[in-house]
Amino acid sequence: MTTLDQVQTGDTVKVSALLGAGAIKRRIMDMGLTKGTKLYVRKVAPLGDPVEITVRGYELSLRKGEAEHVEVEMLTGLDTATSTSSVEEIAAEARESARADE
């Protein structure tokens, strides 16, 4: 099991589960981190706190304690974002998903 606090800068991952319960889980979901969401890890501070990610077209910083509650799976091959264009593709995908939900 890999959690978001263990991911390296430049990796693209997909949320596989949210750990924890109650207010912590609700807060994470309110930030847009839900099962199946793709994330691009932009920066990780030297001590791992905070972690800056791109999710659903916006930048989000998470504390290490919050990132520990997000279980992720690494994306490989064509799913891996290694450039700015890939980040833009993730943002476009999120916008399309939001439109489909309307």
C-alpha atoms as a PDB file:
ATOM      1  CA  MET A   1       0.000   0.000   0.000  1.00  0.00           C
ATOM      2  CA  THR A   2       1.443   3.338  -1.068  1.00  0.00           C
ATOM      3  CA  THR A   3       0.156   6.581   0.381  1.00  0.00           C
ATOM      4  CA  LEU A   4       0.496  10.053  -1.089  1.00  0.00           C
ATOM      5  CA  ASP A   5       3.178  11.086   1.421  1.00  0.00           C
ATOM      6  CA  GLN A   6       5.474   8.371  -0.040  1.00  0.00           C
ATOM      7  CA  VAL A   7       5.247   9.526  -3.677  1.00  0.00           C
ATOM      8  CA  GLN A   8       8.142  11.321  -5.398  1.00  0.00           C
ATOM      9  CA  THR A   9       8.101  14.651  -7.243  1.00  0.00           C
ATOM     10  CA  GLY A  10       7.048  14.239 -10.873  1.00  0.00           C
ATOM     11  CA  ASP A  11       4.999  11.081 -10.319  1.00  0.00           C
ATOM     12  CA  THR A  12       1.427  10.700 -11.491  1.00  0.00           C
ATOM     13  CA  VAL A  13      -0.816   8.577  -9.326  1.00  0.00           C
ATOM     14  CA  LYS A  14      -4.464   7.660  -9.018  1.00  0.00           C
ATOM     15  CA  VAL A  15      -6.368   7.699  -5.726  1.00  0.00           C
ATOM     16  CA  SER A  16      -7.311   4.121  -4.862  1.00  0.00           C
ATOM     17  CA  ALA A  17      -8.782   4.682  -1.389  1.00  0.00           C
ATOM     18  CA  LEU A  18      -9.203   7.226   1.372  1.00  0.00           C
ATOM     19  CA  LEU A  19      -8.050   6.016   4.759  1.00  0.00           C
ATOM     20  CA  GLY A  20      -9.385   7.335   8.024  1.00  0.00           C
ATOM     21  CA  ALA A  21     -12.899   8.340   8.918  1.00  0.00           C
ATOM     22  CA  GLY A  22     -15.084  11.220   9.944  1.00  0.00           C
ATOM     23  CA  ALA A  23     -13.865  14.784   9.619  1.00  0.00           C
ATOM     24  CA  ILE A  24     -10.476  13.873   8.149  1.00  0.00           C
ATOM     25  CA  LYS A  25     -11.959  11.824   5.319  1.00  0.00           C
ATOM     26  CA  ARG A  26     -14.613  14.491   4.614  1.00  0.00           C
ATOM     27  CA  ARG A  27     -11.963  17.233   4.479  1.00  0.00           C
ATOM     28  CA  ILE A  28      -9.876  15.257   1.992  1.00  0.00           C
ATOM     29  CA  MET A  29     -12.936  14.602  -0.180  1.00  0.00           C
ATOM     30  CA  ASP A  30     -13.923  18.275  -0.029  1.00  0.00           C
ATOM     31  CA  MET A  31     -10.500  19.149  -1.477  1.00  0.00           C
ATOM     32  CA  GLY A  32     -11.345  17.068  -4.562  1.00  0.00           C
ATOM     33  CA  LEU A  33      -9.441  13.907  -3.688  1.00  0.00           C
ATOM     34  CA  THR A  34     -11.853  11.078  -4.399  1.00  0.00           C
ATOM     35  CA  LYS A  35     -11.368   7.499  -5.526  1.00  0.00           C
ATOM     36  CA  GLY A  36     -10.192   7.327  -9.146  1.00  0.00           C
ATOM     37  CA  THR A  37      -8.894  10.910  -9.284  1.00  0.00           C
ATOM     38  CA  LYS A  38      -5.529  11.381 -11.020  1.00  0.00           C
ATOM     39  CA  LEU A  39      -2.908  13.486  -9.236  1.00  0.00           C
ATOM     40  CA  TYR A  40       0.380  14.931 -10.416  1.00  0.00           C
ATOM     41  CA  VAL A  41       2.934  15.477  -7.655  1.00  0.00           C
ATOM     42  CA  ARG A  42       4.534  18.869  -8.344  1.00  0.00           C
ATOM     43  CA  LYS A  43       6.718  19.356  -5.272  1.00  0.00           C
ATOM     44  CA  VAL A  44       7.583  17.632  -2.036  1.00  0.00           C
ATOM     45  CA  ALA A  45       9.285  19.640   0.697  1.00  0.00           C
ATOM     46  CA  PRO A  46      12.610  18.251   1.988  1.00  0.00           C
ATOM     47  CA  LEU A  47      11.006  16.827   5.133  1.00  0.00           C
ATOM     48  CA  GLY A  48       7.896  15.729   3.231  1.00  0.00           C
ATOM     49  CA  ASP A  49       5.621  18.452   4.569  1.00  0.00           C
ATOM     50  CA  PRO A  50       3.827  19.859   2.592  1.00  0.00           C
ATOM     51  CA  VAL A  51       3.188  17.986  -0.657  1.00  0.00           C
ATOM     52  CA  GLU A  52       2.072  20.111  -3.616  1.00  0.00           C
ATOM     53  CA  ILE A  53      -0.112  18.358  -6.193  1.00  0.00           C
ATOM     54  CA  THR A  54      -2.161  19.184  -9.252  1.00  0.00           C
ATOM     55  CA  VAL A  55      -5.668  17.783  -8.980  1.00  0.00           C
ATOM     56  CA  ARG A  56      -8.745  18.567 -11.076  1.00  0.00           C
ATOM     57  CA  GLY A  57      -6.999  21.533 -12.709  1.00  0.00           C
ATOM     58  CA  TYR A  58      -5.795  23.353  -9.603  1.00  0.00           C
ATOM     59  CA  GLU A  59      -2.786  23.341  -7.301  1.00  0.00           C
ATOM     60  CA  LEU A  60      -3.250  21.920  -3.818  1.00  0.00           C
ATOM     61  CA  SER A  61      -0.840  21.686  -0.896  1.00  0.00           C
ATOM     62  CA  LEU A  62      -1.403  18.932   1.635  1.00  0.00           C
ATOM     63  CA  ARG A  63       0.226  18.431   4.989  1.00  0.00           C
ATOM     64  CA  LYS A  64       2.033  15.155   5.476  1.00  0.00           C
ATOM     65  CA  GLY A  65      -0.617  14.064   7.988  1.00  0.00           C
ATOM     66  CA  GLU A  66      -3.348  14.542   5.370  1.00  0.00           C
ATOM     67  CA  ALA A  67      -1.319  12.870   2.602  1.00  0.00           C
ATOM     68  CA  GLU A  68      -0.922   9.778   4.804  1.00  0.00           C
ATOM     69  CA  HIS A  69      -4.698   9.238   4.532  1.00  0.00           C
ATOM     70  CA  VAL A  70      -4.699   9.059   0.703  1.00  0.00           C
ATOM     71  CA  GLU A  71      -3.862   5.610  -0.676  1.00  0.00           C
ATOM     72  CA  VAL A  72      -2.634   5.786  -4.272  1.00  0.00           C
ATOM     73  CA  GLU A  73      -1.530   3.558  -7.107  1.00  0.00           C
ATOM     74  CA  MET A  74       1.282   4.509  -9.446  1.00  0.00           C
ATOM     75  CA  LEU A  75       0.359   5.070 -13.083  1.00  0.00           C
ATOM     76  CA  THR A  76       2.741   3.675 -15.681  1.00  0.00           C
ATOM     77  CA  GLY A  77       3.236   3.900 -19.421  1.00  0.00           C
ATOM     78  CA  LEU A  78       1.042   6.411 -21.211  1.00  0.00           C
ATOM     79  CA  ASP A  79      -0.744   7.334 -17.975  1.00  0.00           C
ATOM     80  CA  THR A  80       2.404   8.800 -16.405  1.00  0.00           C
ATOM     81  CA  ALA A  81       2.633  12.613 -16.434  1.00  0.00           C
ATOM     82  CA  THR A  82       6.202  13.807 -16.892  1.00  0.00           C
ATOM     83  CA  SER A  83       5.672  17.211 -18.435  1.00  0.00           C
ATOM     84  CA  THR A  84       3.561  20.330 -18.236  1.00  0.00           C
ATOM     85  CA  SER A  85       1.447  19.114 -21.149  1.00  0.00           C
ATOM     86  CA  SER A  86       0.547  16.005 -19.160  1.00  0.00           C
ATOM     87  CA  VAL A  87      -0.543  18.203 -16.245  1.00  0.00           C
ATOM     88  CA  GLU A  88      -2.723  20.149 -18.659  1.00  0.00           C
ATOM     89  CA  GLU A  89      -4.203  16.872 -19.916  1.00  0.00           C
ATOM     90  CA  ILE A  90      -5.090  15.900 -16.341  1.00  0.00           C
ATOM     91  CA  ALA A  91      -6.771  19.294 -15.871  1.00  0.00           C
ATOM     92  CA  ALA A  92      -8.728  18.902 -19.120  1.00  0.00           C
ATOM     93  CA  GLU A  93      -9.810  15.413 -18.070  1.00  0.00           C
ATOM     94  CA  ALA A  94     -11.063  16.806 -14.753  1.00  0.00           C
ATOM     95  CA  ARG A  95     -13.055  19.539 -16.525  1.00  0.00           C
ATOM     96  CA  GLU A  96     -14.664  16.951 -18.820  1.00  0.00           C
ATOM     97  CA  SER A  97     -15.540  14.792 -15.830  1.00  0.00           C
ATOM     98  CA  ALA A  98     -17.128  17.773 -14.065  1.00  0.00           C
ATOM     99  CA  ARG A  99     -19.228  18.585 -17.129  1.00  0.00           C
ATOM    100  CA  ALA A 100     -20.412  14.990 -17.335  1.00  0.00           C
ATOM    101  CA  ASP A 101     -21.540  15.171 -13.706  1.00  0.00           C
ATOM    102  CA  GLU A 102     -23.777  18.200 -14.411  1.00  0.00           C
END
